[in-house]
Each structure stands twice: as structure tokens, then as C-alpha cells.
Amino acid sequence: MMADTARGRFITLEGGEGVGKSTLQHTLAERLEDAGFGVVTTREPGGTRLAERLRELALHPLNGETWSPMAEALLMNAARVDHLDKLIRPALAKGLWVICDRFSDSTRVYQSVGDGVPEDVLIAIETPVLGNTRPDLTLVLDAPPSATEARRKIRDERKDVFEMRPDTFHSAVRQAFLDLVKIEPDRVKLIDASQDANSVAADAWRDVQALFAAKGGGAG
């Protein structure tokens, strides 16, 4: 029996660089579609035309310039407003499932670590942006630096400002995501991303099935 689709469900994928979020997003979308659900896949920053323009500005500043953590947080949330208004909320209202590669948790992690923005300030910024539109399930993909570094090196994409930051930054990001799992265990689930892709997908699908069960439905 399929779950109630009066409102779609919102799944976000989080974690550091090179943990395999894009691969898992594709796999989960296929599994949900096979179960009979309509699915929208998207990403942050981005997802709409205007938000994609802000993504380019945030991740690849002009002429080698840099943003402060506060400026980054404001850019991410500006893109998020457009993303929520034009894509995520309309899709959920239609009963579609939305799987987003990064969302507000990434802002709270990436822009707070080190000498970043205090978490209470980030929460104050995101609260009116998100309103009641919050993830039903967040999967944090985690892998040791030795695995993620190797994956990042074989990517063809041009490096963004975050990927080029030092190992100490990436270690702090990893720990912040692990802390998030402990802080919000009902919503945020940890996935061992050092496994092969099939094992990662199987673990993630178990968490998605648990979401079905919690919402009063089921999926095979």
C-alpha cells in the first residue's frame, strides 16, 4: 500500500564533499518512482534559475575574491527563499516527493565552523525562510577523509571555494554533521558512505521505509 500523498515528503541529503550524495539521490528517486510516487530531485544552493545564479556567485566568487561566512549565509538563504517558493513548496503541495542535495543544515554547518557565524544567528536567519517547510528526513552521508579525498580528486567539476579549503575545515564540517545526528536523531539519520554504492542505497532505503511507516503507509 502506498503512503498518503496528500502532501509529498521532503528528504534532504547532507554531508561533506565527495560522500556520494548525487549518486544516492538518483538511486532513491528511482526506488520511489518504482513504488509509484512522483519525485522531484533538486539541489542547494540552486534549483531555480535565480537560485542557480546565486549558486555560481557563492561558490565561484569573481576574480578570486572571497565572501565572509555571514555573506555566504545570506546568499544561501536568499537562494533558498526562491527555491522554496518556486519549486519545493509547489511540488510538495502536489503530493510529489522532493529529494534535495543539501539544504539548510549545510548552511548551519558550513557557515558556522571555525570563525563562522554563531549558530543562534544562523537559526534566526533561517527561521522565517523555512517557515513550516522542513525536511521529513535528512540523511547524513559520512566517510573518512581518506575516502572522500580520493573521490574529490577524480571529479571533473571545477573546484568551488569550499572544496579548496584546508583539511582542518573539512574535518570540522564532518564533525558538525556527526553532531547534528546526535542532536536531532528523529529526523537526521547517519549513513556510512564508505561502503559501496549498493550498500549505501540499501541503508538509506531502510530509513525511507521507516518514514513511510511513520506516516502511516508503506513501500516495498
N, C-alpha and C. Protein backbone atom coordinates (compact mmCIF):
# COMPACT_ATOMS: atom_id res chain seq x y z
N MET A 1 0.85 -1.20 0.00
CA MET A 1 0.00 0.00 0.00
C MET A 1 0.87 1.23 0.00
N MET A 2 0.53 2.22 -0.82
CA MET A 2 1.31 3.44 -0.89
C MET A 2 0.91 4.39 0.24
N ALA A 3 1.85 5.25 0.60
CA ALA A 3 1.60 6.21 1.66
C ALA A 3 0.63 7.29 1.20
N ASP A 4 0.07 7.99 2.17
CA ASP A 4 -0.81 9.12 1.87
C ASP A 4 0.00 10.17 1.10
N THR A 5 -0.48 10.56 -0.06
CA THR A 5 0.25 11.52 -0.88
C THR A 5 -0.45 12.87 -0.95
N ALA A 6 -1.33 13.16 0.03
CA ALA A 6 -1.97 14.47 0.05
C ALA A 6 -0.91 15.55 0.11
N ARG A 7 0.16 15.29 0.82
CA ARG A 7 1.33 16.16 0.83
C ARG A 7 2.54 15.29 0.56
N GLY A 8 3.41 15.74 -0.32
CA GLY A 8 4.62 14.98 -0.58
C GLY A 8 5.55 15.01 0.62
N ARG A 9 6.58 14.20 0.55
CA ARG A 9 7.58 14.15 1.63
C ARG A 9 8.86 14.81 1.14
N PHE A 10 9.60 15.33 2.09
CA PHE A 10 10.78 16.12 1.81
C PHE A 10 11.99 15.45 2.43
N ILE A 11 12.89 14.96 1.58
CA ILE A 11 14.12 14.28 2.02
C ILE A 11 15.32 15.13 1.62
N THR A 12 16.23 15.34 2.55
CA THR A 12 17.45 16.07 2.23
C THR A 12 18.66 15.17 2.47
N LEU A 13 19.67 15.37 1.64
CA LEU A 13 20.91 14.61 1.72
C LEU A 13 22.03 15.57 2.12
N GLU A 14 22.75 15.22 3.17
CA GLU A 14 23.78 16.10 3.69
C GLU A 14 25.10 15.35 3.88
N GLY A 15 26.14 16.10 4.14
CA GLY A 15 27.46 15.53 4.36
C GLY A 15 28.53 16.39 3.74
N GLY A 16 29.78 16.01 3.95
CA GLY A 16 30.90 16.75 3.41
C GLY A 16 31.06 16.54 1.91
N GLU A 17 32.20 16.99 1.40
CA GLU A 17 32.47 16.88 -0.03
C GLU A 17 32.85 15.44 -0.38
N GLY A 18 32.34 14.95 -1.51
CA GLY A 18 32.75 13.65 -2.02
C GLY A 18 32.17 12.44 -1.33
N VAL A 19 31.04 12.60 -0.63
CA VAL A 19 30.46 11.46 0.09
C VAL A 19 29.44 10.68 -0.73
N GLY A 20 29.10 11.16 -1.93
CA GLY A 20 28.21 10.39 -2.80
C GLY A 20 26.75 10.79 -2.74
N LYS A 21 26.46 12.03 -2.40
CA LYS A 21 25.07 12.48 -2.31
C LYS A 21 24.35 12.39 -3.65
N SER A 22 25.00 12.82 -4.72
CA SER A 22 24.35 12.82 -6.04
C SER A 22 23.98 11.41 -6.49
N THR A 23 24.88 10.46 -6.24
CA THR A 23 24.61 9.07 -6.61
C THR A 23 23.43 8.53 -5.83
N LEU A 24 23.39 8.79 -4.53
CA LEU A 24 22.28 8.31 -3.70
C LEU A 24 20.97 8.99 -4.10
N GLN A 25 21.02 10.27 -4.41
CA GLN A 25 19.82 10.98 -4.82
C GLN A 25 19.17 10.30 -6.03
N HIS A 26 19.98 9.96 -7.01
CA HIS A 26 19.48 9.30 -8.22
C HIS A 26 18.86 7.95 -7.89
N THR A 27 19.52 7.18 -7.04
CA THR A 27 19.04 5.84 -6.69
C THR A 27 17.72 5.91 -5.92
N LEU A 28 17.65 6.80 -4.93
CA LEU A 28 16.43 6.93 -4.15
C LEU A 28 15.26 7.39 -5.01
N ALA A 29 15.51 8.28 -5.93
CA ALA A 29 14.45 8.74 -6.83
C ALA A 29 13.90 7.59 -7.64
N GLU A 30 14.78 6.75 -8.14
CA GLU A 30 14.33 5.59 -8.92
C GLU A 30 13.49 4.64 -8.06
N ARG A 31 13.94 4.39 -6.83
CA ARG A 31 13.20 3.48 -5.95
C ARG A 31 11.82 4.03 -5.63
N LEU A 32 11.72 5.32 -5.37
CA LEU A 32 10.43 5.92 -5.07
C LEU A 32 9.51 5.91 -6.29
N GLU A 33 10.07 6.18 -7.45
CA GLU A 33 9.26 6.13 -8.68
C GLU A 33 8.77 4.72 -8.94
N ASP A 34 9.62 3.72 -8.67
CA ASP A 34 9.20 2.32 -8.82
C ASP A 34 8.07 1.97 -7.86
N ALA A 35 8.03 2.66 -6.70
CA ALA A 35 6.99 2.43 -5.71
C ALA A 35 5.70 3.20 -6.04
N GLY A 36 5.74 3.97 -7.12
CA GLY A 36 4.55 4.66 -7.57
C GLY A 36 4.42 6.12 -7.18
N PHE A 37 5.51 6.73 -6.74
CA PHE A 37 5.46 8.12 -6.33
C PHE A 37 6.09 9.03 -7.37
N GLY A 38 5.56 10.26 -7.46
CA GLY A 38 6.19 11.28 -8.27
C GLY A 38 7.32 11.89 -7.47
N VAL A 39 8.46 12.12 -8.11
CA VAL A 39 9.65 12.59 -7.40
C VAL A 39 10.27 13.78 -8.13
N VAL A 40 10.70 14.75 -7.35
CA VAL A 40 11.47 15.88 -7.86
C VAL A 40 12.84 15.85 -7.20
N THR A 41 13.89 15.89 -7.99
CA THR A 41 15.25 15.98 -7.45
C THR A 41 15.78 17.39 -7.69
N THR A 42 16.46 17.92 -6.70
CA THR A 42 16.97 19.28 -6.81
C THR A 42 18.20 19.42 -5.94
N ARG A 43 18.74 20.64 -5.86
CA ARG A 43 19.97 20.83 -5.09
C ARG A 43 20.01 22.24 -4.52
N GLU A 44 20.89 22.40 -3.51
CA GLU A 44 21.14 23.72 -2.96
C GLU A 44 22.65 23.95 -2.83
N PRO A 45 23.07 25.22 -2.96
CA PRO A 45 22.24 26.29 -3.48
C PRO A 45 21.87 26.02 -4.93
N GLY A 46 20.71 26.45 -5.33
CA GLY A 46 20.27 26.21 -6.70
C GLY A 46 18.84 25.73 -6.75
N GLY A 47 18.49 25.08 -7.87
CA GLY A 47 17.16 24.50 -8.01
C GLY A 47 16.20 25.33 -8.84
N THR A 48 16.41 26.64 -8.88
CA THR A 48 15.63 27.53 -9.75
C THR A 48 16.61 28.41 -10.52
N ARG A 49 16.12 29.11 -11.53
CA ARG A 49 17.02 29.91 -12.37
C ARG A 49 17.75 30.96 -11.54
N LEU A 50 17.02 31.68 -10.70
CA LEU A 50 17.66 32.71 -9.90
C LEU A 50 18.59 32.11 -8.85
N ALA A 51 18.17 31.03 -8.23
CA ALA A 51 19.00 30.40 -7.21
C ALA A 51 20.28 29.82 -7.81
N GLU A 52 20.20 29.33 -9.05
CA GLU A 52 21.42 28.83 -9.70
C GLU A 52 22.40 29.97 -9.98
N ARG A 53 21.90 31.16 -10.27
CA ARG A 53 22.78 32.30 -10.45
C ARG A 53 23.48 32.65 -9.14
N LEU A 54 22.74 32.57 -8.04
CA LEU A 54 23.35 32.82 -6.73
C LEU A 54 24.34 31.73 -6.36
N ARG A 55 24.06 30.50 -6.79
CA ARG A 55 24.99 29.39 -6.55
C ARG A 55 26.35 29.71 -7.17
N GLU A 56 26.34 30.13 -8.41
CA GLU A 56 27.58 30.45 -9.10
C GLU A 56 28.32 31.58 -8.38
N LEU A 57 27.60 32.56 -7.95
CA LEU A 57 28.21 33.69 -7.26
C LEU A 57 28.80 33.29 -5.91
N ALA A 58 28.10 32.40 -5.20
CA ALA A 58 28.56 31.97 -3.88
C ALA A 58 29.74 31.01 -3.96
N LEU A 59 29.66 30.04 -4.88
CA LEU A 59 30.70 29.01 -4.94
C LEU A 59 31.91 29.41 -5.76
N HIS A 60 31.72 30.36 -6.67
CA HIS A 60 32.83 30.79 -7.53
C HIS A 60 32.86 32.32 -7.60
N PRO A 61 33.27 32.96 -6.49
CA PRO A 61 33.30 34.43 -6.47
C PRO A 61 34.18 34.99 -7.59
N LEU A 62 33.86 36.20 -8.01
CA LEU A 62 34.57 36.82 -9.11
C LEU A 62 36.02 37.14 -8.77
N ASN A 63 36.91 36.90 -9.73
CA ASN A 63 38.30 37.32 -9.63
C ASN A 63 39.01 36.88 -8.36
N GLY A 64 38.68 35.69 -7.89
CA GLY A 64 39.36 35.13 -6.74
C GLY A 64 39.01 35.80 -5.42
N GLU A 65 37.96 36.61 -5.40
CA GLU A 65 37.55 37.25 -4.15
C GLU A 65 36.87 36.23 -3.24
N THR A 66 36.67 36.59 -1.98
CA THR A 66 36.05 35.67 -1.03
C THR A 66 34.89 36.36 -0.30
N TRP A 67 33.93 35.55 0.10
CA TRP A 67 32.81 36.02 0.91
C TRP A 67 33.11 35.75 2.38
N SER A 68 32.58 36.56 3.26
CA SER A 68 32.63 36.26 4.68
C SER A 68 31.60 35.18 4.98
N PRO A 69 31.73 34.46 6.10
CA PRO A 69 30.72 33.46 6.44
C PRO A 69 29.30 34.04 6.51
N MET A 70 29.17 35.26 7.03
CA MET A 70 27.84 35.87 7.10
C MET A 70 27.29 36.15 5.71
N ALA A 71 28.14 36.66 4.82
CA ALA A 71 27.69 36.92 3.45
C ALA A 71 27.28 35.62 2.78
N GLU A 72 28.06 34.55 2.99
CA GLU A 72 27.70 33.24 2.44
C GLU A 72 26.34 32.79 2.94
N ALA A 73 26.13 32.94 4.25
CA ALA A 73 24.85 32.51 4.84
C ALA A 73 23.68 33.27 4.24
N LEU A 74 23.86 34.57 4.03
CA LEU A 74 22.78 35.37 3.45
C LEU A 74 22.53 34.99 1.99
N LEU A 75 23.60 34.72 1.24
CA LEU A 75 23.44 34.28 -0.14
C LEU A 75 22.69 32.95 -0.21
N MET A 76 23.08 32.01 0.64
CA MET A 76 22.44 30.69 0.65
C MET A 76 20.96 30.81 0.98
N ASN A 77 20.63 31.66 1.95
CA ASN A 77 19.24 31.80 2.34
C ASN A 77 18.43 32.58 1.31
N ALA A 78 19.06 33.53 0.63
CA ALA A 78 18.36 34.22 -0.45
C ALA A 78 18.00 33.24 -1.56
N ALA A 79 18.95 32.38 -1.92
CA ALA A 79 18.67 31.36 -2.93
C ALA A 79 17.59 30.40 -2.44
N ARG A 80 17.61 30.10 -1.15
CA ARG A 80 16.66 29.14 -0.57
C ARG A 80 15.23 29.68 -0.62
N VAL A 81 15.04 30.96 -0.40
CA VAL A 81 13.70 31.55 -0.48
C VAL A 81 13.10 31.30 -1.86
N ASP A 82 13.87 31.58 -2.90
CA ASP A 82 13.38 31.38 -4.26
C ASP A 82 13.12 29.90 -4.54
N HIS A 83 14.01 29.06 -4.07
CA HIS A 83 13.90 27.62 -4.26
C HIS A 83 12.64 27.07 -3.60
N LEU A 84 12.40 27.49 -2.36
CA LEU A 84 11.21 27.03 -1.65
C LEU A 84 9.93 27.52 -2.31
N ASP A 85 9.91 28.80 -2.66
CA ASP A 85 8.69 29.39 -3.21
C ASP A 85 8.32 28.85 -4.58
N LYS A 86 9.33 28.62 -5.42
CA LYS A 86 9.06 28.29 -6.81
C LYS A 86 9.13 26.79 -7.13
N LEU A 87 9.80 26.00 -6.30
CA LEU A 87 9.96 24.59 -6.63
C LEU A 87 9.53 23.66 -5.50
N ILE A 88 10.13 23.81 -4.32
CA ILE A 88 9.92 22.80 -3.27
C ILE A 88 8.49 22.81 -2.76
N ARG A 89 7.99 23.96 -2.34
CA ARG A 89 6.63 24.00 -1.79
C ARG A 89 5.56 23.62 -2.80
N PRO A 90 5.63 24.12 -4.05
CA PRO A 90 4.63 23.68 -5.03
C PRO A 90 4.67 22.18 -5.29
N ALA A 91 5.86 21.60 -5.32
CA ALA A 91 5.97 20.15 -5.55
C ALA A 91 5.35 19.37 -4.40
N LEU A 92 5.65 19.76 -3.17
CA LEU A 92 5.09 19.07 -2.01
C LEU A 92 3.58 19.21 -1.98
N ALA A 93 3.08 20.38 -2.35
CA ALA A 93 1.63 20.60 -2.35
C ALA A 93 0.92 19.70 -3.36
N LYS A 94 1.63 19.32 -4.42
CA LYS A 94 1.07 18.44 -5.44
C LYS A 94 1.17 16.96 -5.05
N GLY A 95 1.76 16.68 -3.90
CA GLY A 95 1.92 15.30 -3.47
C GLY A 95 3.19 14.66 -3.96
N LEU A 96 4.10 15.43 -4.54
CA LEU A 96 5.37 14.89 -5.02
C LEU A 96 6.37 14.79 -3.87
N TRP A 97 7.27 13.83 -4.00
CA TRP A 97 8.38 13.72 -3.06
C TRP A 97 9.53 14.56 -3.59
N VAL A 98 10.18 15.28 -2.71
CA VAL A 98 11.32 16.11 -3.09
C VAL A 98 12.57 15.58 -2.41
N ILE A 99 13.60 15.31 -3.21
CA ILE A 99 14.90 14.89 -2.67
C ILE A 99 15.90 15.98 -3.03
N CYS A 100 16.43 16.62 -2.01
CA CYS A 100 17.30 17.78 -2.22
C CYS A 100 18.73 17.47 -1.76
N ASP A 101 19.68 17.69 -2.66
CA ASP A 101 21.11 17.56 -2.36
C ASP A 101 21.54 18.83 -1.65
N ARG A 102 21.63 18.76 -0.34
CA ARG A 102 21.91 19.86 0.60
C ARG A 102 20.67 20.72 0.82
N PHE A 103 20.60 21.24 2.06
CA PHE A 103 19.53 22.18 2.40
C PHE A 103 20.03 23.02 3.58
N SER A 104 19.14 23.44 4.44
CA SER A 104 19.51 24.40 5.48
C SER A 104 20.55 23.87 6.46
N ASP A 105 20.61 22.56 6.67
CA ASP A 105 21.64 22.02 7.57
C ASP A 105 23.04 22.33 7.07
N SER A 106 23.22 22.33 5.76
CA SER A 106 24.54 22.66 5.22
C SER A 106 24.93 24.10 5.55
N THR A 107 23.97 25.00 5.48
CA THR A 107 24.28 26.39 5.84
C THR A 107 24.67 26.48 7.30
N ARG A 108 23.93 25.81 8.16
CA ARG A 108 24.23 25.86 9.60
C ARG A 108 25.57 25.22 9.91
N VAL A 109 26.01 24.28 9.09
CA VAL A 109 27.31 23.64 9.32
C VAL A 109 28.43 24.45 8.67
N TYR A 110 28.35 24.65 7.37
CA TYR A 110 29.46 25.26 6.63
C TYR A 110 29.72 26.70 7.04
N GLN A 111 28.67 27.45 7.37
CA GLN A 111 28.89 28.85 7.71
C GLN A 111 29.09 29.09 9.21
N SER A 112 29.11 28.01 10.00
CA SER A 112 29.31 28.18 11.44
C SER A 112 30.67 27.67 11.93
N VAL A 113 31.29 26.73 11.20
CA VAL A 113 32.52 26.14 11.70
C VAL A 113 33.66 27.15 11.68
N GLY A 114 34.65 26.89 12.51
CA GLY A 114 35.79 27.80 12.59
C GLY A 114 35.37 29.16 13.13
N ASP A 115 35.77 30.20 12.43
CA ASP A 115 35.41 31.57 12.83
C ASP A 115 34.15 32.03 12.12
N GLY A 116 33.19 31.14 12.01
CA GLY A 116 31.98 31.43 11.27
C GLY A 116 30.93 32.16 12.07
N VAL A 117 29.70 32.09 11.58
CA VAL A 117 28.57 32.79 12.19
C VAL A 117 28.04 31.97 13.37
N PRO A 118 27.75 32.59 14.50
CA PRO A 118 27.18 31.85 15.63
C PRO A 118 25.90 31.13 15.21
N GLU A 119 25.71 29.92 15.75
CA GLU A 119 24.57 29.11 15.32
C GLU A 119 23.24 29.79 15.60
N ASP A 120 23.14 30.52 16.72
CA ASP A 120 21.86 31.16 17.02
C ASP A 120 21.52 32.23 15.99
N VAL A 121 22.54 32.87 15.42
CA VAL A 121 22.29 33.86 14.37
C VAL A 121 21.81 33.16 13.10
N LEU A 122 22.44 32.03 12.75
CA LEU A 122 22.03 31.28 11.57
C LEU A 122 20.59 30.77 11.72
N ILE A 123 20.24 30.33 12.91
CA ILE A 123 18.88 29.86 13.16
C ILE A 123 17.88 31.01 13.03
N ALA A 124 18.27 32.18 13.53
CA ALA A 124 17.38 33.35 13.43
C ALA A 124 17.16 33.74 11.97
N ILE A 125 18.18 33.58 11.13
CA ILE A 125 18.04 33.90 9.71
C ILE A 125 17.15 32.88 9.01
N GLU A 126 17.37 31.60 9.32
CA GLU A 126 16.65 30.55 8.57
C GLU A 126 15.20 30.39 9.01
N THR A 127 14.86 30.77 10.22
CA THR A 127 13.52 30.52 10.73
C THR A 127 12.42 31.11 9.85
N PRO A 128 12.48 32.41 9.49
CA PRO A 128 11.44 32.93 8.60
C PRO A 128 11.57 32.42 7.17
N VAL A 129 12.76 32.01 6.77
CA VAL A 129 12.95 31.47 5.42
C VAL A 129 12.24 30.13 5.28
N LEU A 130 12.45 29.24 6.24
CA LEU A 130 11.87 27.90 6.17
C LEU A 130 10.39 27.87 6.52
N GLY A 131 9.98 28.67 7.50
CA GLY A 131 8.60 28.57 7.95
C GLY A 131 8.32 27.15 8.42
N ASN A 132 7.25 26.57 7.88
CA ASN A 132 6.90 25.19 8.24
C ASN A 132 7.48 24.16 7.27
N THR A 133 8.23 24.60 6.28
CA THR A 133 8.76 23.67 5.28
C THR A 133 10.12 23.17 5.73
N ARG A 134 10.09 22.06 6.41
CA ARG A 134 11.32 21.46 6.94
C ARG A 134 11.38 20.00 6.51
N PRO A 135 12.59 19.46 6.39
CA PRO A 135 12.71 18.08 5.92
C PRO A 135 11.99 17.08 6.82
N ASP A 136 11.34 16.10 6.19
CA ASP A 136 10.78 14.97 6.94
C ASP A 136 11.88 14.00 7.35
N LEU A 137 12.92 13.93 6.52
CA LEU A 137 14.03 13.01 6.76
C LEU A 137 15.30 13.62 6.18
N THR A 138 16.36 13.58 6.97
CA THR A 138 17.67 14.04 6.50
C THR A 138 18.66 12.90 6.66
N LEU A 139 19.32 12.56 5.57
CA LEU A 139 20.33 11.50 5.58
C LEU A 139 21.70 12.15 5.51
N VAL A 140 22.50 11.95 6.54
CA VAL A 140 23.87 12.47 6.57
C VAL A 140 24.81 11.36 6.13
N LEU A 141 25.45 11.56 5.00
CA LEU A 141 26.42 10.60 4.49
C LEU A 141 27.79 10.93 5.06
N ASP A 142 28.42 9.94 5.67
CA ASP A 142 29.70 10.18 6.33
C ASP A 142 30.73 9.15 5.88
N ALA A 143 31.93 9.64 5.61
CA ALA A 143 33.05 8.77 5.23
C ALA A 143 34.34 9.41 5.73
N PRO A 144 35.35 8.60 6.03
CA PRO A 144 36.63 9.16 6.50
C PRO A 144 37.30 9.99 5.42
N PRO A 145 38.16 10.92 5.82
CA PRO A 145 38.84 11.81 4.86
C PRO A 145 39.59 11.06 3.77
N SER A 146 40.15 9.90 4.09
CA SER A 146 40.90 9.15 3.09
C SER A 146 40.02 8.75 1.92
N ALA A 147 38.75 8.44 2.19
CA ALA A 147 37.83 8.05 1.12
C ALA A 147 37.31 9.26 0.35
N THR A 148 36.94 10.32 1.06
CA THR A 148 36.38 11.48 0.38
C THR A 148 37.42 12.24 -0.42
N GLU A 149 38.65 12.27 0.07
CA GLU A 149 39.70 12.97 -0.67
C GLU A 149 39.94 12.32 -2.02
N ALA A 150 39.97 10.98 -2.02
CA ALA A 150 40.19 10.26 -3.27
C ALA A 150 39.06 10.52 -4.26
N ARG A 151 37.83 10.56 -3.77
CA ARG A 151 36.68 10.82 -4.64
C ARG A 151 36.72 12.23 -5.20
N ARG A 152 37.11 13.19 -4.35
CA ARG A 152 37.15 14.57 -4.83
C ARG A 152 38.19 14.75 -5.93
N LYS A 153 39.27 14.01 -5.85
CA LYS A 153 40.35 14.17 -6.83
C LYS A 153 39.96 13.67 -8.22
N ILE A 154 39.04 12.69 -8.28
CA ILE A 154 38.69 12.14 -9.59
C ILE A 154 37.51 12.87 -10.24
N ARG A 155 36.95 13.86 -9.55
CA ARG A 155 35.86 14.63 -10.13
C ARG A 155 36.37 15.49 -11.28
N ASP A 156 35.50 15.66 -12.28
CA ASP A 156 35.83 16.54 -13.41
C ASP A 156 35.38 17.98 -13.17
N GLU A 157 34.53 18.17 -12.15
CA GLU A 157 34.00 19.51 -11.91
C GLU A 157 35.10 20.46 -11.45
N ARG A 158 34.90 21.74 -11.77
CA ARG A 158 35.86 22.71 -11.27
C ARG A 158 35.63 22.90 -9.78
N LYS A 159 36.70 23.07 -9.04
CA LYS A 159 36.61 23.15 -7.59
C LYS A 159 35.93 24.44 -7.16
N ASP A 160 35.06 24.33 -6.15
CA ASP A 160 34.45 25.53 -5.61
C ASP A 160 35.22 25.99 -4.37
N VAL A 161 34.78 27.10 -3.80
CA VAL A 161 35.53 27.70 -2.69
C VAL A 161 35.57 26.79 -1.46
N PHE A 162 34.57 25.94 -1.30
CA PHE A 162 34.55 25.05 -0.15
C PHE A 162 35.48 23.86 -0.34
N GLU A 163 35.47 23.30 -1.53
CA GLU A 163 36.34 22.16 -1.81
C GLU A 163 37.82 22.54 -1.69
N MET A 164 38.14 23.79 -1.94
CA MET A 164 39.54 24.21 -1.89
C MET A 164 40.01 24.59 -0.49
N ARG A 165 39.13 24.52 0.48
CA ARG A 165 39.53 24.87 1.85
C ARG A 165 40.36 23.75 2.48
N PRO A 166 41.13 24.08 3.52
CA PRO A 166 42.07 23.12 4.10
C PRO A 166 41.40 21.94 4.79
N ASP A 167 42.20 20.91 5.05
CA ASP A 167 41.68 19.69 5.68
C ASP A 167 41.04 19.98 7.04
N THR A 168 41.58 20.97 7.76
CA THR A 168 41.01 21.29 9.07
C THR A 168 39.56 21.74 8.95
N PHE A 169 39.25 22.47 7.87
CA PHE A 169 37.88 22.91 7.63
C PHE A 169 36.98 21.70 7.37
N HIS A 170 37.43 20.79 6.52
CA HIS A 170 36.61 19.63 6.18
C HIS A 170 36.42 18.71 7.38
N SER A 171 37.43 18.63 8.24
CA SER A 171 37.28 17.83 9.46
C SER A 171 36.24 18.44 10.38
N ALA A 172 36.25 19.77 10.48
CA ALA A 172 35.26 20.45 11.32
C ALA A 172 33.86 20.27 10.77
N VAL A 173 33.72 20.33 9.45
CA VAL A 173 32.43 20.11 8.81
C VAL A 173 31.92 18.70 9.09
N ARG A 174 32.81 17.72 8.94
CA ARG A 174 32.41 16.34 9.20
C ARG A 174 31.91 16.18 10.63
N GLN A 175 32.63 16.73 11.59
CA GLN A 175 32.23 16.60 12.99
C GLN A 175 30.91 17.30 13.26
N ALA A 176 30.70 18.44 12.63
CA ALA A 176 29.45 19.17 12.83
C ALA A 176 28.25 18.38 12.33
N PHE A 177 28.42 17.68 11.22
CA PHE A 177 27.33 16.83 10.73
C PHE A 177 27.09 15.65 11.67
N LEU A 178 28.15 15.06 12.18
CA LEU A 178 28.00 13.96 13.14
C LEU A 178 27.29 14.44 14.40
N ASP A 179 27.60 15.66 14.83
CA ASP A 179 26.92 16.22 15.99
C ASP A 179 25.44 16.42 15.70
N LEU A 180 25.11 16.81 14.48
CA LEU A 180 23.71 17.03 14.10
C LEU A 180 22.90 15.75 14.24
N VAL A 181 23.51 14.61 13.89
CA VAL A 181 22.83 13.32 14.02
C VAL A 181 22.45 13.07 15.47
N LYS A 182 23.33 13.43 16.40
CA LYS A 182 23.08 13.23 17.83
C LYS A 182 22.03 14.21 18.36
N ILE A 183 22.03 15.43 17.82
CA ILE A 183 21.13 16.47 18.30
C ILE A 183 19.69 16.21 17.85
N GLU A 184 19.51 15.75 16.61
CA GLU A 184 18.16 15.53 16.06
C GLU A 184 18.02 14.10 15.52
N PRO A 185 18.09 13.11 16.40
CA PRO A 185 18.08 11.71 15.94
C PRO A 185 16.79 11.26 15.28
N ASP A 186 15.68 11.92 15.56
CA ASP A 186 14.41 11.51 14.95
C ASP A 186 14.36 11.88 13.47
N ARG A 187 14.93 13.01 13.13
CA ARG A 187 14.91 13.47 11.74
C ARG A 187 16.17 13.09 10.97
N VAL A 188 17.32 13.14 11.62
CA VAL A 188 18.61 13.01 10.95
C VAL A 188 19.19 11.62 11.19
N LYS A 189 19.47 10.91 10.10
CA LYS A 189 20.00 9.55 10.19
C LYS A 189 21.38 9.49 9.54
N LEU A 190 22.25 8.72 10.14
CA LEU A 190 23.63 8.59 9.67
C LEU A 190 23.76 7.42 8.71
N ILE A 191 24.42 7.66 7.59
CA ILE A 191 24.68 6.62 6.58
C ILE A 191 26.19 6.49 6.41
N ASP A 192 26.69 5.26 6.49
CA ASP A 192 28.12 5.00 6.29
C ASP A 192 28.42 5.06 4.80
N ALA A 193 28.97 6.19 4.37
CA ALA A 193 29.21 6.39 2.94
C ALA A 193 30.54 5.79 2.47
N SER A 194 31.26 5.13 3.37
CA SER A 194 32.50 4.46 2.95
C SER A 194 32.20 3.10 2.33
N GLN A 195 30.95 2.65 2.42
CA GLN A 195 30.54 1.39 1.79
C GLN A 195 30.40 1.57 0.28
N ASP A 196 30.19 0.45 -0.42
CA ASP A 196 29.91 0.55 -1.85
C ASP A 196 28.53 1.16 -2.05
N ALA A 197 28.28 1.67 -3.25
CA ALA A 197 27.06 2.42 -3.55
C ALA A 197 25.80 1.61 -3.27
N ASN A 198 25.82 0.31 -3.55
CA ASN A 198 24.63 -0.52 -3.31
C ASN A 198 24.31 -0.62 -1.83
N SER A 199 25.33 -0.75 -1.01
CA SER A 199 25.12 -0.84 0.45
C SER A 199 24.63 0.48 1.00
N VAL A 200 25.19 1.58 0.51
CA VAL A 200 24.72 2.91 0.93
C VAL A 200 23.24 3.07 0.59
N ALA A 201 22.87 2.69 -0.63
CA ALA A 201 21.48 2.81 -1.06
C ALA A 201 20.56 1.94 -0.21
N ALA A 202 21.01 0.73 0.13
CA ALA A 202 20.18 -0.16 0.93
C ALA A 202 19.94 0.43 2.32
N ASP A 203 20.98 0.99 2.94
CA ASP A 203 20.83 1.60 4.26
C ASP A 203 19.89 2.79 4.19
N ALA A 204 20.06 3.61 3.16
CA ALA A 204 19.22 4.80 3.02
C ALA A 204 17.76 4.40 2.80
N TRP A 205 17.53 3.37 1.98
CA TRP A 205 16.16 2.95 1.69
C TRP A 205 15.46 2.44 2.94
N ARG A 206 16.20 1.82 3.85
CA ARG A 206 15.60 1.39 5.12
C ARG A 206 15.08 2.59 5.90
N ASP A 207 15.84 3.68 5.89
CA ASP A 207 15.39 4.89 6.58
C ASP A 207 14.18 5.50 5.89
N VAL A 208 14.14 5.44 4.56
CA VAL A 208 12.98 5.94 3.82
C VAL A 208 11.75 5.09 4.14
N GLN A 209 11.93 3.78 4.20
CA GLN A 209 10.81 2.90 4.55
C GLN A 209 10.29 3.19 5.95
N ALA A 210 11.19 3.53 6.86
CA ALA A 210 10.76 3.90 8.21
C ALA A 210 9.93 5.17 8.18
N LEU A 211 10.26 6.09 7.28
CA LEU A 211 9.47 7.31 7.11
C LEU A 211 8.08 6.96 6.60
N PHE A 212 7.98 6.03 5.63
CA PHE A 212 6.68 5.56 5.16
C PHE A 212 5.86 5.05 6.34
N ALA A 213 6.48 4.21 7.16
CA ALA A 213 5.77 3.60 8.27
C ALA A 213 5.30 4.67 9.27
N ALA A 214 6.16 5.66 9.53
CA ALA A 214 5.82 6.71 10.49
C ALA A 214 4.66 7.56 9.99
N LYS A 215 4.54 7.68 8.65
CA LYS A 215 3.47 8.50 8.08
C LYS A 215 2.22 7.67 7.75
N GLY A 216 2.26 6.39 8.14
CA GLY A 216 1.06 5.59 8.01
C GLY A 216 0.90 4.87 6.69
N GLY A 217 2.01 4.69 5.97
CA GLY A 217 1.93 3.96 4.71
C GLY A 217 3.03 2.94 4.62
N GLY A 218 3.31 2.48 3.43
CA GLY A 218 4.36 1.50 3.27
C GLY A 218 4.90 1.51 1.87
N ALA A 219 6.06 0.89 1.72
CA ALA A 219 6.68 0.76 0.39
C ALA A 219 7.47 -0.52 0.36
N GLY A 220 7.45 -1.18 -0.80
CA GLY A 220 8.15 -2.44 -0.91
C GLY A 220 9.58 -2.24 -1.29
